[in-house]
C-alpha cells in the first residue's frame, strides 16, 4: 500500500497533475505510519514508501532512447539492492558478527 502511494505521488508529479489531492493522500499515509507504529512494522511501511518511490522514479523520469530499458533496469536493481541491504543488515547483532551460532 505504501509503495503504491509513493508511486501515485511520483506519477502525479511527472504528469503535472493537481497535487492537492495527492498530498492529502500522502498525509493520510504518513499519519497511518505514525499511528500504526505501536502494533505494526513502521520500518516496513517506510521501506515500502521509499522503494516504491525509487522504482517508480526509475521508470517515470528516464529520458527516451534506445538504452532506456538499461537505465530503468539499473534503477530498479539499485532500489532492490538497497532494500536487500537494509533487510540483511537488520539481522546482525550490534557487534557486527553474523549472528549465526554453531561450530562455523
PDB file of N, CA and C in Angstrom:
ATOM      1  N   UNK A   1       0.817  -1.193   0.000  1.00  0.00           N
ATOM      2  CA  UNK A   1       0.000   0.000   0.000  1.00  0.00           C
ATOM      3  C   UNK A   1       0.863   1.261   0.000  1.00  0.00           C
ATOM      4  N   UNK A   2       1.920   1.262   0.806  1.00  0.00           N
ATOM      5  CA  UNK A   2       2.763   2.442   0.885  1.00  0.00           C
ATOM      6  C   UNK A   2       3.575   2.630  -0.395  1.00  0.00           C
ATOM      7  N   UNK A   3       4.013   1.537  -0.997  1.00  0.00           N
ATOM      8  CA  UNK A   3       4.714   1.627  -2.276  1.00  0.00           C
ATOM      9  C   UNK A   3       3.816   2.169  -3.373  1.00  0.00           C
ATOM     10  N   UNK A   4       2.564   1.750  -3.373  1.00  0.00           N
ATOM     11  CA  UNK A   4       1.613   2.268  -4.352  1.00  0.00           C
ATOM     12  C   UNK A   4       1.319   3.742  -4.114  1.00  0.00           C
ATOM     13  N   UNK A   5       1.251   4.142  -2.845  1.00  0.00           N
ATOM     14  CA  UNK A   5       1.053   5.557  -2.530  1.00  0.00           C
ATOM     15  C   UNK A   5       2.206   6.407  -3.037  1.00  0.00           C
ATOM     16  N   UNK A   6       3.429   5.919  -2.856  1.00  0.00           N
ATOM     17  CA  UNK A   6       4.598   6.641  -3.357  1.00  0.00           C
ATOM     18  C   UNK A   6       4.593   6.690  -4.880  1.00  0.00           C
ATOM     19  N   UNK A   7       4.197   5.594  -5.511  1.00  0.00           N
ATOM     20  CA  UNK A   7       4.112   5.569  -6.970  1.00  0.00           C
ATOM     21  C   UNK A   7       3.075   6.574  -7.469  1.00  0.00           C
ATOM     22  N   UNK A   8       1.956   6.658  -6.774  1.00  0.00           N
ATOM     23  CA  UNK A   8       0.916   7.631  -7.109  1.00  0.00           C
ATOM     24  C   UNK A   8       1.470   9.055  -7.050  1.00  0.00           C
ATOM     25  N   UNK A   9       2.245   9.348  -6.017  1.00  0.00           N
ATOM     26  CA  UNK A   9       2.830  10.680  -5.858  1.00  0.00           C
ATOM     27  C   UNK A   9       3.819  10.982  -6.988  1.00  0.00           C
ATOM     28  N   UNK A  10       4.709  10.038  -7.281  1.00  0.00           N
ATOM     29  CA  UNK A  10       5.729  10.260  -8.313  1.00  0.00           C
ATOM     30  C   UNK A  10       5.085  10.437  -9.685  1.00  0.00           C
ATOM     31  N   UNK A  11       4.117   9.597 -10.019  1.00  0.00           N
ATOM     32  CA  UNK A  11       3.462   9.702 -11.326  1.00  0.00           C
ATOM     33  C   UNK A  11       2.662  10.997 -11.436  1.00  0.00           C
ATOM     34  N   UNK A  12       2.003  11.393 -10.365  1.00  0.00           N
ATOM     35  CA  UNK A  12       1.254  12.659 -10.389  1.00  0.00           C
ATOM     36  C   UNK A  12       2.193  13.832 -10.625  1.00  0.00           C
ATOM     37  N   UNK A  13       3.361  13.807  -9.989  1.00  0.00           N
ATOM     38  CA  UNK A  13       4.356  14.865 -10.230  1.00  0.00           C
ATOM     39  C   UNK A  13       4.836  14.835 -11.674  1.00  0.00           C
ATOM     40  N   UNK A  14       5.025  13.647 -12.209  1.00  0.00           N
ATOM     41  CA  UNK A  14       5.558  13.503 -13.564  1.00  0.00           C
ATOM     42  C   UNK A  14       4.594  14.027 -14.611  1.00  0.00           C
ATOM     43  N   UNK A  15       3.317  13.764 -14.442  1.00  0.00           N
ATOM     44  CA  UNK A  15       2.343  14.191 -15.450  1.00  0.00           C
ATOM     45  C   UNK A  15       1.799  15.591 -15.191  1.00  0.00           C
ATOM     46  N   UNK A  16       2.208  16.209 -14.085  1.00  0.00           N
ATOM     47  CA  UNK A  16       1.764  17.569 -13.793  1.00  0.00           C
ATOM     48  C   UNK A  16       0.345  17.657 -13.271  1.00  0.00           C
ATOM     49  N   UNK A  17      -0.111  16.648 -12.582  1.00  0.00           N
ATOM     50  CA  UNK A  17      -1.472  16.637 -12.042  1.00  0.00           C
ATOM     51  C   UNK A  17      -1.575  17.604 -10.865  1.00  0.00           C
ATOM     52  N   UNK A  18      -2.790  17.924 -10.492  1.00  0.00           N
ATOM     53  CA  UNK A  18      -3.022  18.750  -9.321  1.00  0.00           C
ATOM     54  C   UNK A  18      -2.542  17.984  -8.093  1.00  0.00           C
ATOM     55  N   UNK A  19      -1.680  18.590  -7.301  1.00  0.00           N
ATOM     56  CA  UNK A  19      -1.037  17.864  -6.215  1.00  0.00           C
ATOM     57  C   UNK A  19      -1.815  17.907  -4.897  1.00  0.00           C
ATOM     58  N   UNK A  20      -2.820  18.752  -4.777  1.00  0.00           N
ATOM     59  CA  UNK A  20      -3.543  18.852  -3.510  1.00  0.00           C
ATOM     60  C   UNK A  20      -4.187  17.529  -3.085  1.00  0.00           C
ATOM     61  N   UNK A  21      -4.914  16.826  -3.952  1.00  0.00           N
ATOM     62  CA  UNK A  21      -5.460  15.535  -3.519  1.00  0.00           C
ATOM     63  C   UNK A  21      -4.369  14.496  -3.257  1.00  0.00           C
ATOM     64  N   UNK A  22      -3.309  14.547  -4.023  1.00  0.00           N
ATOM     65  CA  UNK A  22      -2.208  13.600  -3.830  1.00  0.00           C
ATOM     66  C   UNK A  22      -1.539  13.870  -2.488  1.00  0.00           C
ATOM     67  N   UNK A  23      -1.328  15.130  -2.173  1.00  0.00           N
ATOM     68  CA  UNK A  23      -0.713  15.481  -0.893  1.00  0.00           C
ATOM     69  C   UNK A  23      -1.592  15.072   0.286  1.00  0.00           C
ATOM     70  N   UNK A  24      -2.911  15.221   0.136  1.00  0.00           N
ATOM     71  CA  UNK A  24      -3.815  14.767   1.204  1.00  0.00           C
ATOM     72  C   UNK A  24      -3.694  13.264   1.418  1.00  0.00           C
ATOM     73  N   UNK A  25      -3.611  12.525   0.329  1.00  0.00           N
ATOM     74  CA  UNK A  25      -3.461  11.080   0.425  1.00  0.00           C
ATOM     75  C   UNK A  25      -2.141  10.719   1.102  1.00  0.00           C
ATOM     76  N   UNK A  26      -1.073  11.417   0.754  1.00  0.00           N
ATOM     77  CA  UNK A  26       0.231  11.137   1.364  1.00  0.00           C
ATOM     78  C   UNK A  26       0.231  11.492   2.854  1.00  0.00           C
ATOM     79  N   UNK A  27      -0.442  12.563   3.227  1.00  0.00           N
ATOM     80  CA  UNK A  27      -0.549  12.901   4.647  1.00  0.00           C
ATOM     81  C   UNK A  27      -1.297  11.803   5.385  1.00  0.00           C
ATOM     82  N   UNK A  28      -2.363  11.286   4.785  1.00  0.00           N
ATOM     83  CA  UNK A  28      -3.099  10.182   5.403  1.00  0.00           C
ATOM     84  C   UNK A  28      -2.191   8.976   5.597  1.00  0.00           C
ATOM     85  N   UNK A  29      -1.375   8.652   4.581  1.00  0.00           N
ATOM     86  CA  UNK A  29      -0.456   7.523   4.712  1.00  0.00           C
ATOM     87  C   UNK A  29       0.565   7.754   5.824  1.00  0.00           C
ATOM     88  N   UNK A  30       1.104   8.964   5.906  1.00  0.00           N
ATOM     89  CA  UNK A  30       2.103   9.248   6.942  1.00  0.00           C
ATOM     90  C   UNK A  30       1.481   9.245   8.332  1.00  0.00           C
ATOM     91  N   UNK A  31       0.250   9.716   8.450  1.00  0.00           N
ATOM     92  CA  UNK A  31      -0.441   9.644   9.745  1.00  0.00           C
ATOM     93  C   UNK A  31      -0.649   8.174  10.122  1.00  0.00           C
ATOM     94  N   UNK A  32      -1.051   7.360   9.164  1.00  0.00           N
ATOM     95  CA  UNK A  32      -1.223   5.939   9.453  1.00  0.00           C
ATOM     96  C   UNK A  32       0.106   5.300   9.832  1.00  0.00           C
ATOM     97  N   UNK A  33       1.188   5.713   9.207  1.00  0.00           N
ATOM     98  CA  UNK A  33       2.511   5.202   9.547  1.00  0.00           C
ATOM     99  C   UNK A  33       2.837   5.470  11.006  1.00  0.00           C
ATOM    100  N   UNK A  34       2.548   6.672  11.469  1.00  0.00           N
ATOM    101  CA  UNK A  34       2.833   7.027  12.863  1.00  0.00           C
ATOM    102  C   UNK A  34       1.887   6.311  13.818  1.00  0.00           C
ATOM    103  N   UNK A  35       0.598   6.283  13.490  1.00  0.00           N
ATOM    104  CA  UNK A  35      -0.381   5.662  14.394  1.00  0.00           C
ATOM    105  C   UNK A  35      -0.211   4.147  14.494  1.00  0.00           C
ATOM    106  N   UNK A  36       0.213   3.524  13.412  1.00  0.00           N
ATOM    107  CA  UNK A  36       0.354   2.073  13.434  1.00  0.00           C
ATOM    108  C   UNK A  36       1.702   1.617  13.957  1.00  0.00           C
ATOM    109  N   UNK A  37       2.569   2.539  14.329  1.00  0.00           N
ATOM    110  CA  UNK A  37       3.911   2.166  14.792  1.00  0.00           C
ATOM    111  C   UNK A  37       3.859   1.319  16.065  1.00  0.00           C
ATOM    112  N   UNK A  38       2.783   1.427  16.834  1.00  0.00           N
ATOM    113  CA  UNK A  38       2.680   0.659  18.062  1.00  0.00           C
ATOM    114  C   UNK A  38       2.368  -0.812  17.847  1.00  0.00           C
ATOM    115  N   UNK A  39       1.760  -1.157  16.713  1.00  0.00           N
ATOM    116  CA  UNK A  39       1.361  -2.549  16.507  1.00  0.00           C
ATOM    117  C   UNK A  39       1.774  -3.107  15.147  1.00  0.00           C
ATOM    118  N   UNK A  40       2.463  -2.332  14.346  1.00  0.00           N
ATOM    119  CA  UNK A  40       2.912  -2.816  13.037  1.00  0.00           C
ATOM    120  C   UNK A  40       4.338  -2.322  12.791  1.00  0.00           C
ATOM    121  N   UNK A  41       4.973  -2.873  11.806  1.00  0.00           N
ATOM    122  CA  UNK A  41       6.349  -2.516  11.488  1.00  0.00           C
ATOM    123  C   UNK A  41       6.399  -1.183  10.746  1.00  0.00           C
ATOM    124  N   UNK A  42       6.741  -0.128  11.462  1.00  0.00           N
ATOM    125  CA  UNK A  42       6.849   1.169  10.795  1.00  0.00           C
ATOM    126  C   UNK A  42       8.026   1.163   9.824  1.00  0.00           C
ATOM    127  N   UNK A  43       9.058   0.350  10.111  1.00  0.00           N
ATOM    128  CA  UNK A  43      10.203   0.269   9.217  1.00  0.00           C
ATOM    129  C   UNK A  43       9.797  -0.330   7.868  1.00  0.00           C
ATOM    130  N   UNK A  44       8.928  -1.334   7.915  1.00  0.00           N
ATOM    131  CA  UNK A  44       8.447  -1.944   6.679  1.00  0.00           C
ATOM    132  C   UNK A  44       7.601  -0.993   5.865  1.00  0.00           C
ATOM    133  N   UNK A  45       6.748  -0.239   6.532  1.00  0.00           N
ATOM    134  CA  UNK A  45       5.922   0.732   5.820  1.00  0.00           C
ATOM    135  C   UNK A  45       6.782   1.831   5.205  1.00  0.00           C
ATOM    136  N   UNK A  46       7.743   2.332   5.958  1.00  0.00           N
ATOM    137  CA  UNK A  46       8.625   3.378   5.439  1.00  0.00           C
ATOM    138  C   UNK A  46       9.475   2.837   4.291  1.00  0.00           C
ATOM    139  N   UNK A  47       9.938   1.606   4.418  1.00  0.00           N
ATOM    140  CA  UNK A  47      10.700   0.988   3.335  1.00  0.00           C
ATOM    141  C   UNK A  47       9.873   0.835   2.071  1.00  0.00           C
ATOM    142  N   UNK A  48       8.618   0.431   2.230  1.00  0.00           N
ATOM    143  CA  UNK A  48       7.735   0.333   1.069  1.00  0.00           C
ATOM    144  C   UNK A  48       7.529   1.677   0.396  1.00  0.00           C
ATOM    145  N   UNK A  49       7.398   2.713   1.192  1.00  0.00           N
ATOM    146  CA  UNK A  49       7.232   4.064   0.662  1.00  0.00           C
ATOM    147  C   UNK A  49       8.461   4.490  -0.132  1.00  0.00           C
ATOM    148  N   UNK A  50       9.641   4.288   0.429  1.00  0.00           N
ATOM    149  CA  UNK A  50      10.871   4.731  -0.234  1.00  0.00           C
ATOM    150  C   UNK A  50      11.199   3.897  -1.469  1.00  0.00           C
ATOM    151  N   UNK A  51      11.062   2.585  -1.365  1.00  0.00           N
ATOM    152  CA  UNK A  51      11.371   1.738  -2.515  1.00  0.00           C
ATOM    153  C   UNK A  51      10.335   1.934  -3.614  1.00  0.00           C
ATOM    154  N   UNK A  52       9.072   2.105  -3.247  1.00  0.00           N
ATOM    155  CA  UNK A  52       8.044   2.387  -4.252  1.00  0.00           C
ATOM    156  C   UNK A  52       8.326   3.669  -5.011  1.00  0.00           C
ATOM    157  N   UNK A  53       8.772   4.699  -4.287  1.00  0.00           N
ATOM    158  CA  UNK A  53       9.113   5.963  -4.942  1.00  0.00           C
ATOM    159  C   UNK A  53      10.335   5.797  -5.842  1.00  0.00           C
ATOM    160  N   UNK A  54      11.345   5.060  -5.376  1.00  0.00           N
ATOM    161  CA  UNK A  54      12.567   4.880  -6.159  1.00  0.00           C
ATOM    162  C   UNK A  54      12.317   4.095  -7.442  1.00  0.00           C
ATOM    163  N   UNK A  55      11.553   3.016  -7.344  1.00  0.00           N
ATOM    164  CA  UNK A  55      11.283   2.192  -8.530  1.00  0.00           C
ATOM    165  C   UNK A  55      10.420   2.963  -9.524  1.00  0.00           C
ATOM    166  N   UNK A  56       9.430   3.680  -9.036  1.00  0.00           N
ATOM    167  CA  UNK A  56       8.575   4.452  -9.937  1.00  0.00           C
ATOM    168  C   UNK A  56       9.357   5.566 -10.605  1.00  0.00           C
ATOM    169  N   UNK A  57      10.245   6.224  -9.860  1.00  0.00           N
ATOM    170  CA  UNK A  57      11.077   7.271 -10.457  1.00  0.00           C
ATOM    171  C   UNK A  57      12.004   6.686 -11.513  1.00  0.00           C
ATOM    172  N   UNK A  58      12.480   5.467 -11.290  1.00  0.00           N
ATOM    173  CA  UNK A  58      13.335   4.824 -12.289  1.00  0.00           C
ATOM    174  C   UNK A  58      12.590   4.614 -13.598  1.00  0.00           C
ATOM    175  N   UNK A  59      11.307   4.391 -13.527  1.00  0.00           N
ATOM    176  CA  UNK A  59      10.517   4.232 -14.744  1.00  0.00           C
ATOM    177  C   UNK A  59      10.008   5.562 -15.301  1.00  0.00           C
ATOM    178  N   UNK A  60       9.672   6.498 -14.449  1.00  0.00           N
ATOM    179  CA  UNK A  60       8.989   7.708 -14.898  1.00  0.00           C
ATOM    180  C   UNK A  60       9.925   8.802 -15.405  1.00  0.00           C
ATOM    181  N   UNK A  61      11.116   8.913 -14.860  1.00  0.00           N
ATOM    182  CA  UNK A  61      11.966  10.057 -15.172  1.00  0.00           C
ATOM    183  C   UNK A  61      13.176   9.722 -16.036  1.00  0.00           C
ATOM    184  N   UNK A  62      13.198   8.553 -16.640  1.00  0.00           N
ATOM    185  CA  UNK A  62      14.310   8.168 -17.512  1.00  0.00           C
ATOM    186  C   UNK A  62      14.082   8.789 -18.886  1.00  0.00           C
ATOM    187  N   UNK A  63      15.112   9.447 -19.448  1.00  0.00           N
ATOM    188  CA  UNK A  63      14.939  10.010 -20.795  1.00  0.00           C
ATOM    189  C   UNK A  63      14.796   8.909 -21.839  1.00  0.00           C
ATOM    190  N   UNK A  64      14.175   9.245 -22.939  1.00  0.00           N
ATOM    191  CA  UNK A  64      13.961   8.269 -24.009  1.00  0.00           C
ATOM    192  C   UNK A  64      15.260   7.915 -24.720  1.00  0.00           C
ATOM    193  N   UNK A  65      15.195   6.901 -25.508  1.00  0.00           N
ATOM    194  CA  UNK A  65      16.360   6.468 -26.267  1.00  0.00           C
ATOM    195  C   UNK A  65      16.409   4.961 -26.328  1.00  0.00           C
ATOM    196  N   UNK A  66      17.392   4.469 -27.084  1.00  0.00           N
ATOM    197  CA  UNK A  66      17.464   3.024 -27.262  1.00  0.00           C
ATOM    198  C   UNK A  66      17.983   2.301 -26.028  1.00  0.00           C
ATOM    199  N   UNK A  67      18.622   3.005 -25.110  1.00  0.00           N
ATOM    200  CA  UNK A  67      19.124   2.368 -23.886  1.00  0.00           C
ATOM    201  C   UNK A  67      18.249   2.660 -22.668  1.00  0.00           C
ATOM    202  N   UNK A  68      17.057   3.093 -22.916  1.00  0.00           N
ATOM    203  CA  UNK A  68      16.148   3.413 -21.816  1.00  0.00           C
ATOM    204  C   UNK A  68      15.923   2.212 -20.904  1.00  0.00           C
ATOM    205  N   UNK A  69      15.736   1.048 -21.485  1.00  0.00           N
ATOM    206  CA  UNK A  69      15.491  -0.164 -20.694  1.00  0.00           C
ATOM    207  C   UNK A  69      16.662  -0.459 -19.767  1.00  0.00           C
ATOM    208  N   UNK A  70      17.884  -0.150 -20.219  1.00  0.00           N
ATOM    209  CA  UNK A  70      19.061  -0.416 -19.403  1.00  0.00           C
ATOM    210  C   UNK A  70      19.100   0.494 -18.172  1.00  0.00           C
ATOM    211  N   UNK A  71      18.771   1.757 -18.366  1.00  0.00           N
ATOM    212  CA  UNK A  71      18.752   2.702 -17.243  1.00  0.00           C
ATOM    213  C   UNK A  71      17.634   2.341 -16.273  1.00  0.00           C
ATOM    214  N   UNK A  72      16.474   1.959 -16.789  1.00  0.00           N
ATOM    215  CA  UNK A  72      15.370   1.562 -15.923  1.00  0.00           C
ATOM    216  C   UNK A  72      15.720   0.314 -15.125  1.00  0.00           C
ATOM    217  N   UNK A  73      16.300  -0.672 -15.781  1.00  0.00           N
ATOM    218  CA  UNK A  73      16.687  -1.901 -15.079  1.00  0.00           C
ATOM    219  C   UNK A  73      17.741  -1.602 -14.020  1.00  0.00           C
ATOM    220  N   UNK A  74      18.677  -0.714 -14.326  1.00  0.00           N
ATOM    221  CA  UNK A  74      19.688  -0.335 -13.342  1.00  0.00           C
ATOM    222  C   UNK A  74      19.075   0.356 -12.137  1.00  0.00           C
ATOM    223  N   UNK A  75      18.101   1.224 -12.361  1.00  0.00           N
ATOM    224  CA  UNK A  75      17.433   1.893 -11.239  1.00  0.00           C
ATOM    225  C   UNK A  75      16.657   0.935 -10.361  1.00  0.00           C
ATOM    226  N   UNK A  76      15.964  -0.004 -10.987  1.00  0.00           N
ATOM    227  CA  UNK A  76      15.203  -0.991 -10.218  1.00  0.00           C
ATOM    228  C   UNK A  76      16.149  -1.910  -9.447  1.00  0.00           C
ATOM    229  N   UNK A  77      17.239  -2.324 -10.079  1.00  0.00           N
ATOM    230  CA  UNK A  77      18.217  -3.181  -9.378  1.00  0.00           C
ATOM    231  C   UNK A  77      18.860  -2.430  -8.221  1.00  0.00           C
ATOM    232  N   UNK A  78      19.120  -1.158  -8.389  1.00  0.00           N
ATOM    233  CA  UNK A  78      19.712  -0.376  -7.300  1.00  0.00           C
ATOM    234  C   UNK A  78      18.746  -0.258  -6.128  1.00  0.00           C
ATOM    235  N   UNK A  79      17.471  -0.035  -6.413  1.00  0.00           N
ATOM    236  CA  UNK A  79      16.473   0.042  -5.338  1.00  0.00           C
ATOM    237  C   UNK A  79      16.344  -1.309  -4.638  1.00  0.00           C
ATOM    238  N   UNK A  80      16.348  -2.388  -5.399  1.00  0.00           N
ATOM    239  CA  UNK A  80      16.268  -3.717  -4.789  1.00  0.00           C
ATOM    240  C   UNK A  80      17.516  -4.018  -3.972  1.00  0.00           C
ATOM    241  N   UNK A  81      18.675  -3.599  -4.458  1.00  0.00           N
ATOM    242  CA  UNK A  81      19.918  -3.803  -3.733  1.00  0.00           C
ATOM    243  C   UNK A  81      19.896  -3.056  -2.403  1.00  0.00           C
ATOM    244  N   UNK A  82      19.410  -1.834  -2.413  1.00  0.00           N
ATOM    245  CA  UNK A  82      19.305  -1.073  -1.164  1.00  0.00           C
ATOM    246  C   UNK A  82      18.342  -1.705  -0.183  1.00  0.00           C
ATOM    247  N   UNK A  83      17.209  -2.181  -0.695  1.00  0.00           N
ATOM    248  CA  UNK A  83      16.221  -2.827   0.181  1.00  0.00           C
ATOM    249  C   UNK A  83      16.774  -4.109   0.770  1.00  0.00           C
ATOM    250  N   UNK A  84      17.466  -4.895  -0.036  1.00  0.00           N
ATOM    251  CA  UNK A  84      18.060  -6.148   0.474  1.00  0.00           C
ATOM    252  C   UNK A  84      19.161  -5.856   1.482  1.00  0.00           C
ATOM    253  N   UNK A  85      19.937  -4.821   1.239  1.00  0.00           N
ATOM    254  CA  UNK A  85      20.989  -4.451   2.187  1.00  0.00           C
ATOM    255  C   UNK A  85      20.436  -4.060   3.537  1.00  0.00           C
ATOM    256  N   UNK A  86      19.340  -3.340   3.534  1.00  0.00           N
ATOM    257  CA  UNK A  86      18.712  -2.961   4.800  1.00  0.00           C
ATOM    258  C   UNK A  86      18.163  -4.193   5.502  1.00  0.00           C
ATOM    259  N   UNK A  87      17.520  -5.081   4.746  1.00  0.00           N
ATOM    260  CA  UNK A  87      16.941  -6.288   5.355  1.00  0.00           C
ATOM    261  C   UNK A  87      18.017  -7.186   5.944  1.00  0.00           C
ATOM    262  N   UNK A  88      19.105  -7.383   5.241  1.00  0.00           N
ATOM    263  CA  UNK A  88      20.180  -8.236   5.744  1.00  0.00           C
ATOM    264  C   UNK A  88      20.852  -7.577   6.940  1.00  0.00           C
ATOM    265  N   UNK A  89      21.025  -6.273   6.888  1.00  0.00           N
ATOM    266  CA  UNK A  89      21.659  -5.556   7.994  1.00  0.00           C
ATOM    267  C   UNK A  89      20.832  -5.585   9.265  1.00  0.00           C
ATOM    268  N   UNK A  90      19.529  -5.755   9.161  1.00  0.00           N
ATOM    269  CA  UNK A  90      18.673  -5.783  10.341  1.00  0.00           C
ATOM    270  C   UNK A  90      18.887  -7.045  11.167  1.00  0.00           C
ATOM    271  N   UNK A  91      19.382  -8.116  10.553  1.00  0.00           N
ATOM    272  CA  UNK A  91      19.544  -9.373  11.258  1.00  0.00           C
ATOM    273  C   UNK A  91      20.878  -9.518  11.979  1.00  0.00           C
ATOM    274  N   UNK A  92      21.734  -8.526  11.904  1.00  0.00           N
ATOM    275  CA  UNK A  92      23.058  -8.629  12.519  1.00  0.00           C
ATOM    276  C   UNK A  92      23.063  -8.014  13.912  1.00  0.00           C
ATOM    277  N   UNK A  93      23.820  -8.621  14.833  1.00  0.00           N
ATOM    278  CA  UNK A  93      23.969  -8.024  16.155  1.00  0.00           C
ATOM    279  C   UNK A  93      24.757  -6.724  16.077  1.00  0.00           C
ATOM    280  N   UNK A  94      24.730  -5.950  17.139  1.00  0.00           N
ATOM    281  CA  UNK A  94      25.389  -4.650  17.158  1.00  0.00           C
ATOM    282  C   UNK A  94      26.902  -4.760  17.001  1.00  0.00           C
ATOM    283  N   UNK A  95      27.499  -5.893  17.389  1.00  0.00           N
ATOM    284  CA  UNK A  95      28.950  -6.026  17.292  1.00  0.00           C
ATOM    285  C   UNK A  95      29.407  -6.434  15.888  1.00  0.00           C
ATOM    286  N   UNK A  96      28.490  -6.605  14.941  1.00  0.00           N
ATOM    287  CA  UNK A  96      28.854  -6.865  13.566  1.00  0.00           C
ATOM    288  C   UNK A  96      29.037  -8.323  13.209  1.00  0.00           C
ATOM    289  N   UNK A  97      28.908  -9.244  14.176  1.00  0.00           N
ATOM    290  CA  UNK A  97      29.028 -10.669  13.854  1.00  0.00           C
ATOM    291  C   UNK A  97      27.853 -11.104  13.007  1.00  0.00           C
ATOM    292  N   UNK A  98      27.952 -12.280  12.446  1.00  0.00           N
ATOM    293  CA  UNK A  98      26.912 -12.755  11.551  1.00  0.00           C
ATOM    294  C   UNK A  98      25.626 -13.124  12.268  1.00  0.00           C
ATOM    295  N   UNK A  99      25.688 -13.413  13.554  1.00  0.00           N
ATOM    296  CA  UNK A  99      24.504 -13.815  14.282  1.00  0.00           C
ATOM    297  C   UNK A  99      24.246 -15.292  14.213  1.00  0.00           C
ATOM    298  N   UNK A 100      25.056 -16.039  13.451  1.00  0.00           N
ATOM    299  CA  UNK A 100      24.900 -17.479  13.346  1.00  0.00           C
ATOM    300  C   UNK A 100      25.534 -18.158  14.554  1.00  0.00           C
ATOM    301  N   UNK A 101      24.941 -19.227  14.982  1.00  0.00           N
ATOM    302  CA  UNK A 101      25.511 -19.996  16.097  1.00  0.00           C
ATOM    303  C   UNK A 101      25.929 -21.355  15.576  1.00  0.00           C
ATOM    304  N   UNK A 102      26.886 -21.925  16.202  1.00  0.00           N
ATOM    305  CA  UNK A 102      27.349 -23.244  15.778  1.00  0.00           C
ATOM    306  C   UNK A 102      28.846 -23.268  15.608  1.00  0.00           C
ATOM    307  N   UNK A 103      29.369 -24.388  15.119  1.00  0.00           N
ATOM    308  CA  UNK A 103      30.812 -24.529  15.013  1.00  0.00           C
ATOM    309  C   UNK A 103      31.439 -23.715  13.902  1.00  0.00           C
ATOM    310  N   UNK A 104      30.690 -23.152  13.017  1.00  0.00           N
ATOM    311  CA  UNK A 104      31.287 -22.396  11.912  1.00  0.00           C
ATOM    312  C   UNK A 104      31.548 -21.012  12.390  1.00  0.00           C
TER     313      UNK A 104
END
